[in-house]
Amino acid sequence: RRWSILELAFFGSVLRDDFGPKSDVDVLVKFAPDARYSLFDLVHIQDELSSILGREVDLVERESVERSENYIRRRHILSNVERVYVA
């Protein structure tokens, strides 16, 4: 709630058999339309998630994936997510 996050989801190697001890965790985040945040806020969220999960976190905004011109990457990410939080 603090960050006006509507959805958090995992994607990438954390959902596959190749996830290992040195793997990072890819996190897809969707903010409320009226959310106000800065790059510093994104770094803070990423650091907070890293602390909770005990691993490096790669935080990606869902909106940026949805707007990506790389349709192969967009389709791959959006079709292989596991939601862990939905507001």
N, C-alpha and C. Protein backbone atom coordinates (compact mmCIF):
# COMPACT_ATOMS: atom_id res chain seq x y z
N ARG A 1 0.82 -1.20 0.00
CA ARG A 1 0.00 0.00 0.00
C ARG A 1 0.86 1.25 0.00
N ARG A 2 1.95 1.18 0.71
CA ARG A 2 2.82 2.35 0.84
C ARG A 2 3.26 2.87 -0.51
N TRP A 3 3.46 1.96 -1.47
CA TRP A 3 3.96 2.34 -2.79
C TRP A 3 2.85 2.38 -3.83
N SER A 4 1.60 2.16 -3.45
CA SER A 4 0.48 2.11 -4.40
C SER A 4 0.69 1.02 -5.44
N ILE A 5 1.16 -0.13 -4.97
CA ILE A 5 1.38 -1.28 -5.85
C ILE A 5 0.09 -2.07 -5.97
N LEU A 6 -0.31 -2.33 -7.20
CA LEU A 6 -1.51 -3.13 -7.45
C LEU A 6 -1.18 -4.61 -7.61
N GLU A 7 0.02 -4.89 -8.10
CA GLU A 7 0.38 -6.29 -8.36
C GLU A 7 1.90 -6.47 -8.32
N LEU A 8 2.32 -7.57 -7.70
CA LEU A 8 3.71 -8.02 -7.75
C LEU A 8 3.70 -9.43 -8.29
N ALA A 9 4.60 -9.71 -9.21
CA ALA A 9 4.67 -11.05 -9.80
C ALA A 9 6.12 -11.42 -10.05
N PHE A 10 6.40 -12.71 -9.95
CA PHE A 10 7.71 -13.23 -10.30
C PHE A 10 7.70 -13.67 -11.74
N PHE A 11 8.86 -13.57 -12.39
CA PHE A 11 9.03 -14.13 -13.73
C PHE A 11 10.50 -14.52 -13.88
N GLY A 12 10.82 -15.19 -14.94
CA GLY A 12 12.21 -15.56 -15.19
C GLY A 12 12.63 -16.84 -14.49
N SER A 13 13.93 -16.92 -14.19
CA SER A 13 14.50 -18.18 -13.70
C SER A 13 13.94 -18.63 -12.36
N VAL A 14 13.41 -17.70 -11.55
CA VAL A 14 12.85 -18.10 -10.26
C VAL A 14 11.70 -19.09 -10.44
N LEU A 15 11.09 -19.12 -11.62
CA LEU A 15 9.98 -20.04 -11.90
C LEU A 15 10.41 -21.27 -12.68
N ARG A 16 11.70 -21.37 -12.96
CA ARG A 16 12.18 -22.48 -13.79
C ARG A 16 13.16 -23.36 -13.02
N ASP A 17 13.47 -24.49 -13.63
CA ASP A 17 14.41 -25.44 -13.03
C ASP A 17 15.84 -24.92 -12.98
N ASP A 18 16.18 -23.92 -13.79
CA ASP A 18 17.55 -23.42 -13.81
C ASP A 18 17.82 -22.36 -12.73
N PHE A 19 16.87 -22.14 -11.83
CA PHE A 19 17.06 -21.20 -10.72
C PHE A 19 18.07 -21.80 -9.75
N GLY A 20 19.13 -21.05 -9.47
CA GLY A 20 20.19 -21.57 -8.62
C GLY A 20 20.55 -20.64 -7.49
N PRO A 21 21.54 -21.03 -6.70
CA PRO A 21 21.93 -20.25 -5.52
C PRO A 21 22.38 -18.82 -5.85
N LYS A 22 22.88 -18.60 -7.03
CA LYS A 22 23.37 -17.26 -7.39
C LYS A 22 22.40 -16.49 -8.28
N SER A 23 21.23 -17.08 -8.54
CA SER A 23 20.25 -16.43 -9.41
C SER A 23 19.61 -15.24 -8.71
N ASP A 24 19.30 -14.21 -9.49
CA ASP A 24 18.52 -13.11 -8.95
C ASP A 24 17.04 -13.44 -9.11
N VAL A 25 16.20 -12.59 -8.55
CA VAL A 25 14.76 -12.78 -8.64
C VAL A 25 14.20 -11.64 -9.49
N ASP A 26 13.55 -12.00 -10.58
CA ASP A 26 12.92 -11.01 -11.46
C ASP A 26 11.52 -10.74 -10.94
N VAL A 27 11.22 -9.47 -10.68
CA VAL A 27 9.93 -9.08 -10.12
C VAL A 27 9.27 -8.06 -11.05
N LEU A 28 8.04 -8.36 -11.41
CA LEU A 28 7.23 -7.47 -12.23
C LEU A 28 6.30 -6.71 -11.29
N VAL A 29 6.27 -5.40 -11.39
CA VAL A 29 5.45 -4.59 -10.50
C VAL A 29 4.50 -3.73 -11.32
N LYS A 30 3.26 -3.66 -10.84
CA LYS A 30 2.25 -2.80 -11.47
C LYS A 30 1.78 -1.80 -10.41
N PHE A 31 1.90 -0.53 -10.74
CA PHE A 31 1.49 0.53 -9.82
C PHE A 31 0.08 1.02 -10.15
N ALA A 32 -0.57 1.59 -9.16
CA ALA A 32 -1.87 2.23 -9.38
C ALA A 32 -1.68 3.39 -10.35
N PRO A 33 -2.71 3.67 -11.16
CA PRO A 33 -2.58 4.75 -12.15
C PRO A 33 -2.22 6.10 -11.53
N ASP A 34 -2.64 6.35 -10.31
CA ASP A 34 -2.35 7.63 -9.66
C ASP A 34 -1.10 7.60 -8.78
N ALA A 35 -0.35 6.51 -8.84
CA ALA A 35 0.86 6.38 -8.01
C ALA A 35 1.90 7.41 -8.43
N ARG A 36 2.57 7.97 -7.46
CA ARG A 36 3.65 8.92 -7.70
C ARG A 36 4.91 8.33 -7.11
N TYR A 37 5.90 8.11 -7.96
CA TYR A 37 7.15 7.53 -7.49
C TYR A 37 8.28 8.01 -8.38
N SER A 38 9.47 7.97 -7.82
CA SER A 38 10.66 8.41 -8.53
C SER A 38 11.58 7.22 -8.77
N LEU A 39 12.65 7.46 -9.48
CA LEU A 39 13.66 6.43 -9.68
C LEU A 39 14.23 5.99 -8.33
N PHE A 40 14.39 6.92 -7.42
CA PHE A 40 14.89 6.58 -6.08
C PHE A 40 13.92 5.65 -5.35
N ASP A 41 12.62 5.88 -5.53
CA ASP A 41 11.62 4.99 -4.93
C ASP A 41 11.75 3.58 -5.50
N LEU A 42 11.95 3.47 -6.82
CA LEU A 42 12.10 2.16 -7.44
C LEU A 42 13.32 1.43 -6.88
N VAL A 43 14.41 2.16 -6.70
CA VAL A 43 15.61 1.56 -6.12
C VAL A 43 15.35 1.13 -4.68
N HIS A 44 14.61 1.94 -3.93
CA HIS A 44 14.28 1.59 -2.55
C HIS A 44 13.41 0.33 -2.50
N ILE A 45 12.43 0.25 -3.37
CA ILE A 45 11.57 -0.94 -3.44
C ILE A 45 12.42 -2.17 -3.77
N GLN A 46 13.29 -2.02 -4.75
CA GLN A 46 14.15 -3.12 -5.17
C GLN A 46 15.05 -3.57 -4.00
N ASP A 47 15.63 -2.62 -3.29
CA ASP A 47 16.48 -2.94 -2.14
C ASP A 47 15.69 -3.62 -1.03
N GLU A 48 14.48 -3.14 -0.78
CA GLU A 48 13.63 -3.73 0.26
C GLU A 48 13.27 -5.17 -0.10
N LEU A 49 12.92 -5.41 -1.36
CA LEU A 49 12.61 -6.77 -1.79
C LEU A 49 13.84 -7.67 -1.71
N SER A 50 15.00 -7.14 -2.06
CA SER A 50 16.25 -7.92 -1.96
C SER A 50 16.50 -8.34 -0.52
N SER A 51 16.25 -7.43 0.40
CA SER A 51 16.44 -7.73 1.82
C SER A 51 15.47 -8.81 2.28
N ILE A 52 14.23 -8.73 1.85
CA ILE A 52 13.21 -9.71 2.24
C ILE A 52 13.52 -11.08 1.65
N LEU A 53 13.91 -11.11 0.38
CA LEU A 53 14.12 -12.37 -0.33
C LEU A 53 15.52 -12.95 -0.14
N GLY A 54 16.44 -12.13 0.34
CA GLY A 54 17.80 -12.60 0.53
C GLY A 54 18.56 -12.84 -0.76
N ARG A 55 18.16 -12.16 -1.81
CA ARG A 55 18.79 -12.27 -3.13
C ARG A 55 18.70 -10.93 -3.84
N GLU A 56 19.53 -10.79 -4.86
CA GLU A 56 19.40 -9.61 -5.71
C GLU A 56 18.04 -9.66 -6.41
N VAL A 57 17.45 -8.51 -6.60
CA VAL A 57 16.15 -8.41 -7.27
C VAL A 57 16.29 -7.50 -8.48
N ASP A 58 15.70 -7.94 -9.57
CA ASP A 58 15.61 -7.12 -10.77
C ASP A 58 14.15 -6.70 -10.88
N LEU A 59 13.88 -5.43 -10.60
CA LEU A 59 12.52 -4.90 -10.58
C LEU A 59 12.18 -4.31 -11.94
N VAL A 60 11.06 -4.75 -12.50
CA VAL A 60 10.64 -4.30 -13.82
C VAL A 60 9.19 -3.83 -13.72
N GLU A 61 8.92 -2.66 -14.27
CA GLU A 61 7.55 -2.15 -14.28
C GLU A 61 6.73 -2.85 -15.37
N ARG A 62 5.57 -3.34 -15.00
CA ARG A 62 4.71 -4.04 -15.96
C ARG A 62 4.38 -3.14 -17.15
N GLU A 63 4.11 -1.89 -16.87
CA GLU A 63 3.75 -0.96 -17.94
C GLU A 63 4.86 -0.85 -18.99
N SER A 64 6.11 -0.86 -18.54
CA SER A 64 7.21 -0.77 -19.51
C SER A 64 7.29 -2.03 -20.37
N VAL A 65 6.98 -3.18 -19.80
CA VAL A 65 6.95 -4.42 -20.58
C VAL A 65 5.80 -4.38 -21.57
N GLU A 66 4.63 -3.94 -21.11
CA GLU A 66 3.46 -3.88 -21.98
C GLU A 66 3.66 -2.93 -23.15
N ARG A 67 4.45 -1.88 -22.96
CA ARG A 67 4.70 -0.90 -24.03
C ARG A 67 5.92 -1.24 -24.88
N SER A 68 6.62 -2.29 -24.51
CA SER A 68 7.85 -2.66 -25.22
C SER A 68 7.57 -3.00 -26.68
N GLU A 69 8.44 -2.52 -27.55
CA GLU A 69 8.32 -2.86 -28.97
C GLU A 69 8.83 -4.26 -29.25
N ASN A 70 9.55 -4.85 -28.31
CA ASN A 70 10.06 -6.21 -28.47
C ASN A 70 8.94 -7.18 -28.10
N TYR A 71 8.14 -7.55 -29.09
CA TYR A 71 6.96 -8.36 -28.82
C TYR A 71 7.32 -9.76 -28.32
N ILE A 72 8.48 -10.28 -28.71
CA ILE A 72 8.89 -11.61 -28.24
C ILE A 72 9.17 -11.56 -26.74
N ARG A 73 9.94 -10.58 -26.31
CA ARG A 73 10.23 -10.43 -24.87
C ARG A 73 8.94 -10.12 -24.10
N ARG A 74 8.13 -9.23 -24.64
CA ARG A 74 6.87 -8.86 -23.99
C ARG A 74 5.99 -10.09 -23.78
N ARG A 75 5.80 -10.87 -24.84
CA ARG A 75 4.95 -12.06 -24.76
C ARG A 75 5.54 -13.08 -23.78
N HIS A 76 6.86 -13.27 -23.85
CA HIS A 76 7.50 -14.25 -22.98
C HIS A 76 7.33 -13.88 -21.50
N ILE A 77 7.58 -12.63 -21.17
CA ILE A 77 7.45 -12.21 -19.77
C ILE A 77 6.00 -12.29 -19.31
N LEU A 78 5.09 -11.71 -20.06
CA LEU A 78 3.70 -11.62 -19.61
C LEU A 78 2.97 -12.95 -19.59
N SER A 79 3.47 -13.92 -20.34
CA SER A 79 2.81 -15.24 -20.34
C SER A 79 3.45 -16.20 -19.34
N ASN A 80 4.51 -15.76 -18.67
CA ASN A 80 5.21 -16.62 -17.72
C ASN A 80 5.43 -15.89 -16.40
N VAL A 81 4.35 -15.49 -15.76
CA VAL A 81 4.43 -14.80 -14.48
C VAL A 81 3.67 -15.57 -13.41
N GLU A 82 4.10 -15.39 -12.19
CA GLU A 82 3.36 -15.94 -11.05
C GLU A 82 3.10 -14.81 -10.08
N ARG A 83 1.84 -14.43 -9.97
CA ARG A 83 1.47 -13.32 -9.10
C ARG A 83 1.63 -13.73 -7.64
N VAL A 84 2.26 -12.86 -6.87
CA VAL A 84 2.45 -13.11 -5.45
C VAL A 84 1.71 -12.09 -4.59
N TYR A 85 1.26 -11.00 -5.21
CA TYR A 85 0.46 -10.00 -4.50
C TYR A 85 -0.45 -9.31 -5.51
N VAL A 86 -1.72 -9.23 -5.15
CA VAL A 86 -2.69 -8.48 -5.95
C VAL A 86 -3.55 -7.67 -4.98
N ALA A 87 -3.63 -6.37 -5.20
CA ALA A 87 -4.41 -5.50 -4.32
C ALA A 87 -5.89 -5.61 -4.65
